[in-house]
Amino acid sequence: MAYTIKILNHNKTIQAKKGDMLADKILESGIDLSLYCQKKALCGKCFVEIEEGYLPPLDEQEEFLIRQKKLTQNHRLACKYMIKGNLSITIPSESILQKTFILKTGLRLPLAVDPPVKK
């Protein structure tokens, strides 16, 4: 059975099956969700806010991260959330990977790669 996930602040609707991981579906939709800890629920960077749909009970780790980040009780880690029905979510900007530039100005020069060790 297919479920509908509405990502409200990105104006996207995606399809998912029961048991799919929310983080995977968000990535498949083209949104760069921050998964710094490789979906181990350690970093707390992939929080989403559940606007409508199943709200699983918080575990100890999520509760700690929610208190630390001062989030609402409707936030859940996308890397732990398994789809169980239709869902409407909001992804906070803190949960999206930001493009980082080391140098904002400068000259782009061609670089010839010539490593000291070759195959």
N, C-alpha and C. Protein backbone atom coordinates (compact mmCIF):
# COMPACT_ATOMS: atom_id res chain seq x y z
N MET A 1 0.84 -1.19 0.00
CA MET A 1 0.00 0.00 0.00
C MET A 1 0.88 1.25 0.00
N ALA A 2 0.56 2.19 -0.85
CA ALA A 2 1.34 3.42 -0.96
C ALA A 2 0.75 4.51 -0.07
N TYR A 3 1.64 5.24 0.58
CA TYR A 3 1.25 6.37 1.41
C TYR A 3 1.80 7.65 0.79
N THR A 4 1.17 8.76 1.14
CA THR A 4 1.57 10.06 0.64
C THR A 4 2.26 10.84 1.74
N ILE A 5 3.43 11.41 1.40
CA ILE A 5 4.15 12.27 2.33
C ILE A 5 4.20 13.66 1.71
N LYS A 6 3.63 14.62 2.41
CA LYS A 6 3.66 16.01 1.95
C LYS A 6 4.75 16.74 2.72
N ILE A 7 5.70 17.32 1.97
CA ILE A 7 6.75 18.12 2.57
C ILE A 7 6.33 19.57 2.36
N LEU A 8 5.69 20.13 3.36
CA LEU A 8 4.98 21.40 3.23
C LEU A 8 5.88 22.56 2.84
N ASN A 9 7.02 22.73 3.50
CA ASN A 9 7.84 23.90 3.23
C ASN A 9 8.69 23.77 1.95
N HIS A 10 8.64 22.61 1.29
CA HIS A 10 9.33 22.44 0.02
C HIS A 10 8.33 22.21 -1.12
N ASN A 11 7.04 22.24 -0.78
CA ASN A 11 5.97 22.08 -1.76
C ASN A 11 6.15 20.80 -2.60
N LYS A 12 6.45 19.69 -1.90
CA LYS A 12 6.65 18.41 -2.58
C LYS A 12 5.74 17.36 -1.97
N THR A 13 5.31 16.44 -2.81
CA THR A 13 4.55 15.28 -2.37
C THR A 13 5.24 14.05 -2.92
N ILE A 14 5.53 13.10 -2.02
CA ILE A 14 6.22 11.88 -2.43
C ILE A 14 5.43 10.66 -1.98
N GLN A 15 5.73 9.54 -2.56
CA GLN A 15 5.06 8.28 -2.22
C GLN A 15 6.01 7.40 -1.41
N ALA A 16 5.44 6.61 -0.51
CA ALA A 16 6.23 5.70 0.31
C ALA A 16 5.40 4.47 0.64
N LYS A 17 6.10 3.42 1.01
CA LYS A 17 5.44 2.19 1.46
C LYS A 17 5.60 2.06 2.96
N LYS A 18 4.75 1.26 3.55
CA LYS A 18 4.83 1.01 4.98
C LYS A 18 6.20 0.42 5.29
N GLY A 19 6.86 0.97 6.29
CA GLY A 19 8.17 0.48 6.71
C GLY A 19 9.34 1.21 6.07
N ASP A 20 9.07 2.07 5.06
CA ASP A 20 10.16 2.87 4.47
C ASP A 20 10.67 3.86 5.50
N MET A 21 11.96 4.16 5.44
CA MET A 21 12.54 5.15 6.34
C MET A 21 12.31 6.54 5.76
N LEU A 22 11.83 7.46 6.58
CA LEU A 22 11.51 8.82 6.14
C LEU A 22 12.74 9.51 5.57
N ALA A 23 13.90 9.35 6.17
CA ALA A 23 15.12 10.00 5.68
C ALA A 23 15.42 9.57 4.25
N ASP A 24 15.26 8.29 3.95
CA ASP A 24 15.52 7.80 2.59
C ASP A 24 14.57 8.43 1.58
N LYS A 25 13.31 8.55 1.94
CA LYS A 25 12.32 9.13 1.04
C LYS A 25 12.59 10.62 0.80
N ILE A 26 13.03 11.32 1.83
CA ILE A 26 13.35 12.74 1.68
C ILE A 26 14.54 12.90 0.73
N LEU A 27 15.56 12.06 0.90
CA LEU A 27 16.72 12.12 0.00
C LEU A 27 16.33 11.80 -1.44
N GLU A 28 15.48 10.79 -1.62
CA GLU A 28 15.02 10.41 -2.96
C GLU A 28 14.25 11.54 -3.64
N SER A 29 13.62 12.41 -2.85
CA SER A 29 12.86 13.52 -3.42
C SER A 29 13.76 14.67 -3.89
N GLY A 30 15.05 14.57 -3.62
CA GLY A 30 15.98 15.60 -4.06
C GLY A 30 16.31 16.64 -3.01
N ILE A 31 15.86 16.45 -1.80
CA ILE A 31 16.16 17.38 -0.71
C ILE A 31 17.41 16.87 0.01
N ASP A 32 18.40 17.74 0.18
CA ASP A 32 19.65 17.36 0.83
C ASP A 32 19.52 17.39 2.34
N LEU A 33 18.97 16.32 2.89
CA LEU A 33 18.80 16.19 4.33
C LEU A 33 20.16 15.92 4.96
N SER A 34 20.44 16.57 6.08
CA SER A 34 21.71 16.38 6.77
C SER A 34 21.69 15.06 7.53
N LEU A 35 22.54 14.15 7.12
CA LEU A 35 22.66 12.84 7.78
C LEU A 35 24.12 12.62 8.19
N TYR A 36 24.62 13.51 8.99
CA TYR A 36 26.03 13.54 9.38
C TYR A 36 26.49 12.23 10.01
N CYS A 37 25.63 11.60 10.81
CA CYS A 37 26.02 10.38 11.53
C CYS A 37 25.67 9.10 10.76
N GLN A 38 25.34 9.24 9.47
CA GLN A 38 25.04 8.09 8.62
C GLN A 38 23.82 7.29 9.13
N LYS A 39 22.79 8.00 9.55
CA LYS A 39 21.51 7.41 9.99
C LYS A 39 21.64 6.55 11.25
N LYS A 40 22.50 6.95 12.17
CA LYS A 40 22.66 6.21 13.43
C LYS A 40 21.95 6.91 14.60
N ALA A 41 21.25 8.00 14.32
CA ALA A 41 20.49 8.75 15.33
C ALA A 41 21.38 9.31 16.44
N LEU A 42 22.57 9.74 16.08
CA LEU A 42 23.50 10.27 17.07
C LEU A 42 23.65 11.79 17.02
N CYS A 43 23.59 12.36 15.81
CA CYS A 43 23.93 13.78 15.66
C CYS A 43 22.73 14.71 15.85
N GLY A 44 21.53 14.26 15.59
CA GLY A 44 20.36 15.11 15.74
C GLY A 44 20.22 16.17 14.67
N LYS A 45 20.80 15.94 13.49
CA LYS A 45 20.75 16.94 12.43
C LYS A 45 19.63 16.70 11.43
N CYS A 46 18.87 15.63 11.56
CA CYS A 46 17.83 15.32 10.56
C CYS A 46 16.42 15.44 11.13
N PHE A 47 16.23 16.31 12.10
CA PHE A 47 14.89 16.47 12.68
C PHE A 47 13.91 17.02 11.65
N VAL A 48 12.70 16.48 11.68
CA VAL A 48 11.58 17.00 10.90
C VAL A 48 10.43 17.22 11.87
N GLU A 49 9.54 18.14 11.52
CA GLU A 49 8.36 18.38 12.36
C GLU A 49 7.17 17.68 11.73
N ILE A 50 6.52 16.82 12.50
CA ILE A 50 5.35 16.08 12.04
C ILE A 50 4.14 16.99 12.22
N GLU A 51 3.57 17.44 11.11
CA GLU A 51 2.40 18.32 11.15
C GLU A 51 1.11 17.48 11.25
N GLU A 52 1.04 16.42 10.46
CA GLU A 52 -0.11 15.50 10.48
C GLU A 52 0.41 14.09 10.25
N GLY A 53 -0.17 13.15 10.95
CA GLY A 53 0.21 11.75 10.77
C GLY A 53 0.67 11.12 12.06
N TYR A 54 1.17 9.90 11.94
CA TYR A 54 1.60 9.11 13.09
C TYR A 54 2.77 9.78 13.80
N LEU A 55 2.64 9.95 15.11
CA LEU A 55 3.68 10.54 15.94
C LEU A 55 4.16 9.49 16.94
N PRO A 56 5.26 8.79 16.62
CA PRO A 56 5.72 7.72 17.52
C PRO A 56 6.20 8.29 18.84
N PRO A 57 6.18 7.48 19.89
CA PRO A 57 6.68 7.96 21.18
C PRO A 57 8.18 8.26 21.09
N LEU A 58 8.60 9.24 21.86
CA LEU A 58 10.02 9.61 21.87
C LEU A 58 10.82 8.57 22.64
N ASP A 59 12.01 8.25 22.12
CA ASP A 59 12.91 7.42 22.91
C ASP A 59 13.83 8.36 23.69
N GLU A 60 14.68 7.81 24.52
CA GLU A 60 15.54 8.60 25.39
C GLU A 60 16.48 9.52 24.60
N GLN A 61 17.06 9.01 23.52
CA GLN A 61 17.98 9.79 22.70
C GLN A 61 17.28 10.97 22.04
N GLU A 62 16.11 10.73 21.44
CA GLU A 62 15.37 11.81 20.79
C GLU A 62 14.94 12.86 21.81
N GLU A 63 14.49 12.41 22.96
CA GLU A 63 14.05 13.34 24.00
C GLU A 63 15.20 14.26 24.43
N PHE A 64 16.39 13.67 24.61
CA PHE A 64 17.57 14.45 24.97
C PHE A 64 17.89 15.48 23.89
N LEU A 65 17.89 15.06 22.62
CA LEU A 65 18.22 15.97 21.52
C LEU A 65 17.17 17.08 21.36
N ILE A 66 15.90 16.75 21.57
CA ILE A 66 14.83 17.76 21.48
C ILE A 66 15.00 18.82 22.56
N ARG A 67 15.31 18.38 23.78
CA ARG A 67 15.55 19.34 24.87
C ARG A 67 16.78 20.20 24.56
N GLN A 68 17.84 19.57 24.09
CA GLN A 68 19.09 20.27 23.81
C GLN A 68 18.91 21.32 22.71
N LYS A 69 18.14 20.99 21.68
CA LYS A 69 17.93 21.89 20.55
C LYS A 69 16.71 22.79 20.72
N LYS A 70 15.99 22.61 21.82
CA LYS A 70 14.80 23.42 22.14
C LYS A 70 13.75 23.31 21.04
N LEU A 71 13.43 22.07 20.65
CA LEU A 71 12.42 21.79 19.62
C LEU A 71 11.11 21.41 20.29
N THR A 72 10.04 21.32 19.50
CA THR A 72 8.73 20.94 20.04
C THR A 72 8.63 19.42 20.14
N GLN A 73 7.61 18.95 20.81
CA GLN A 73 7.37 17.51 20.97
C GLN A 73 6.90 16.85 19.67
N ASN A 74 6.64 17.65 18.63
CA ASN A 74 6.23 17.11 17.33
C ASN A 74 7.42 16.81 16.42
N HIS A 75 8.63 17.05 16.88
CA HIS A 75 9.82 16.78 16.07
C HIS A 75 10.28 15.34 16.27
N ARG A 76 10.73 14.73 15.17
CA ARG A 76 11.28 13.37 15.21
C ARG A 76 12.48 13.31 14.28
N LEU A 77 13.40 12.40 14.57
CA LEU A 77 14.55 12.17 13.70
C LEU A 77 14.09 11.41 12.47
N ALA A 78 14.36 11.95 11.29
CA ALA A 78 13.95 11.30 10.04
C ALA A 78 14.68 9.98 9.84
N CYS A 79 15.88 9.85 10.42
CA CYS A 79 16.65 8.61 10.24
C CYS A 79 16.10 7.46 11.08
N LYS A 80 15.18 7.73 11.99
CA LYS A 80 14.57 6.68 12.81
C LYS A 80 13.09 6.47 12.49
N TYR A 81 12.50 7.40 11.75
CA TYR A 81 11.06 7.39 11.54
C TYR A 81 10.69 6.42 10.42
N MET A 82 9.92 5.40 10.75
CA MET A 82 9.43 4.44 9.77
C MET A 82 8.01 4.83 9.38
N ILE A 83 7.74 4.86 8.07
CA ILE A 83 6.44 5.26 7.55
C ILE A 83 5.38 4.24 7.94
N LYS A 84 4.26 4.75 8.49
CA LYS A 84 3.14 3.90 8.87
C LYS A 84 1.82 4.41 8.34
N GLY A 85 1.85 5.51 7.57
CA GLY A 85 0.62 6.08 7.03
C GLY A 85 0.92 7.39 6.33
N ASN A 86 -0.14 8.07 5.90
CA ASN A 86 0.02 9.37 5.25
C ASN A 86 0.63 10.35 6.25
N LEU A 87 1.36 11.33 5.72
CA LEU A 87 2.15 12.19 6.58
C LEU A 87 2.29 13.57 5.97
N SER A 88 2.26 14.60 6.81
CA SER A 88 2.60 15.97 6.41
C SER A 88 3.71 16.43 7.33
N ILE A 89 4.82 16.89 6.75
CA ILE A 89 5.97 17.29 7.56
C ILE A 89 6.50 18.65 7.11
N THR A 90 7.27 19.26 8.00
CA THR A 90 8.04 20.45 7.70
C THR A 90 9.48 20.11 8.04
N ILE A 91 10.40 20.45 7.14
CA ILE A 91 11.82 20.21 7.40
C ILE A 91 12.46 21.54 7.78
N PRO A 92 12.94 21.66 9.03
CA PRO A 92 13.60 22.91 9.43
C PRO A 92 14.85 23.17 8.59
N SER A 93 15.19 24.42 8.39
CA SER A 93 16.36 24.76 7.59
C SER A 93 17.65 24.21 8.21
N GLU A 94 17.66 24.01 9.52
CA GLU A 94 18.84 23.45 10.19
C GLU A 94 19.07 21.99 9.80
N SER A 95 18.04 21.32 9.28
CA SER A 95 18.15 19.92 8.90
C SER A 95 18.55 19.72 7.44
N ILE A 96 18.75 20.81 6.73
CA ILE A 96 19.14 20.76 5.32
C ILE A 96 20.63 21.08 5.21
N LEU A 97 21.34 20.31 4.39
CA LEU A 97 22.75 20.59 4.15
C LEU A 97 22.90 21.94 3.47
N GLN A 98 23.77 22.76 3.99
CA GLN A 98 24.03 24.07 3.41
C GLN A 98 25.30 24.00 2.58
N LYS A 99 25.28 24.63 1.43
CA LYS A 99 26.49 24.67 0.61
C LYS A 99 27.48 25.61 1.28
N THR A 100 28.69 25.13 1.42
CA THR A 100 29.74 25.89 2.07
C THR A 100 30.83 26.20 1.06
N PHE A 101 31.25 27.43 1.03
CA PHE A 101 32.32 27.85 0.15
C PHE A 101 33.53 28.21 0.99
N ILE A 102 34.66 27.63 0.66
CA ILE A 102 35.88 27.95 1.39
C ILE A 102 36.37 29.32 0.96
N LEU A 103 36.44 29.53 -0.34
CA LEU A 103 36.83 30.83 -0.88
C LEU A 103 35.66 31.40 -1.67
N LYS A 104 35.25 32.60 -1.32
CA LYS A 104 34.15 33.22 -2.06
C LYS A 104 34.66 34.05 -3.22
N THR A 105 35.92 34.46 -3.15
CA THR A 105 36.51 35.22 -4.24
C THR A 105 37.86 34.61 -4.58
N GLY A 106 38.37 34.96 -5.72
CA GLY A 106 39.68 34.47 -6.12
C GLY A 106 39.70 34.13 -7.59
N LEU A 107 40.83 33.66 -8.05
CA LEU A 107 41.00 33.29 -9.44
C LEU A 107 40.84 31.79 -9.60
N ARG A 108 40.16 31.38 -10.63
CA ARG A 108 40.05 29.95 -10.95
C ARG A 108 41.14 29.64 -11.96
N LEU A 109 42.12 28.94 -11.50
CA LEU A 109 43.24 28.58 -12.36
C LEU A 109 43.18 27.10 -12.66
N PRO A 110 43.54 26.71 -13.87
CA PRO A 110 43.58 25.28 -14.17
C PRO A 110 44.67 24.61 -13.34
N LEU A 111 44.36 23.45 -12.87
CA LEU A 111 45.29 22.72 -12.01
C LEU A 111 45.66 21.42 -12.71
N ALA A 112 46.94 21.24 -12.97
CA ALA A 112 47.41 19.99 -13.57
C ALA A 112 47.73 19.03 -12.45
N VAL A 113 47.06 17.90 -12.45
CA VAL A 113 47.28 16.90 -11.41
C VAL A 113 48.44 16.02 -11.84
N ASP A 114 49.49 15.98 -11.01
CA ASP A 114 50.66 15.18 -11.29
C ASP A 114 51.15 14.59 -9.98
N PRO A 115 50.50 13.51 -9.51
CA PRO A 115 50.90 12.95 -8.21
C PRO A 115 52.28 12.32 -8.26
N PRO A 116 52.98 12.32 -7.12
CA PRO A 116 54.32 11.73 -7.09
C PRO A 116 54.29 10.20 -7.23
N VAL A 117 53.18 9.58 -6.90
CA VAL A 117 53.05 8.14 -7.01
C VAL A 117 51.99 7.84 -8.07
N LYS A 118 52.32 6.96 -9.00
CA LYS A 118 51.40 6.61 -10.07
C LYS A 118 51.27 5.10 -10.16
N LYS A 119 50.17 4.66 -10.70
CA LYS A 119 49.92 3.22 -10.86
C LYS A 119 50.79 2.64 -11.95
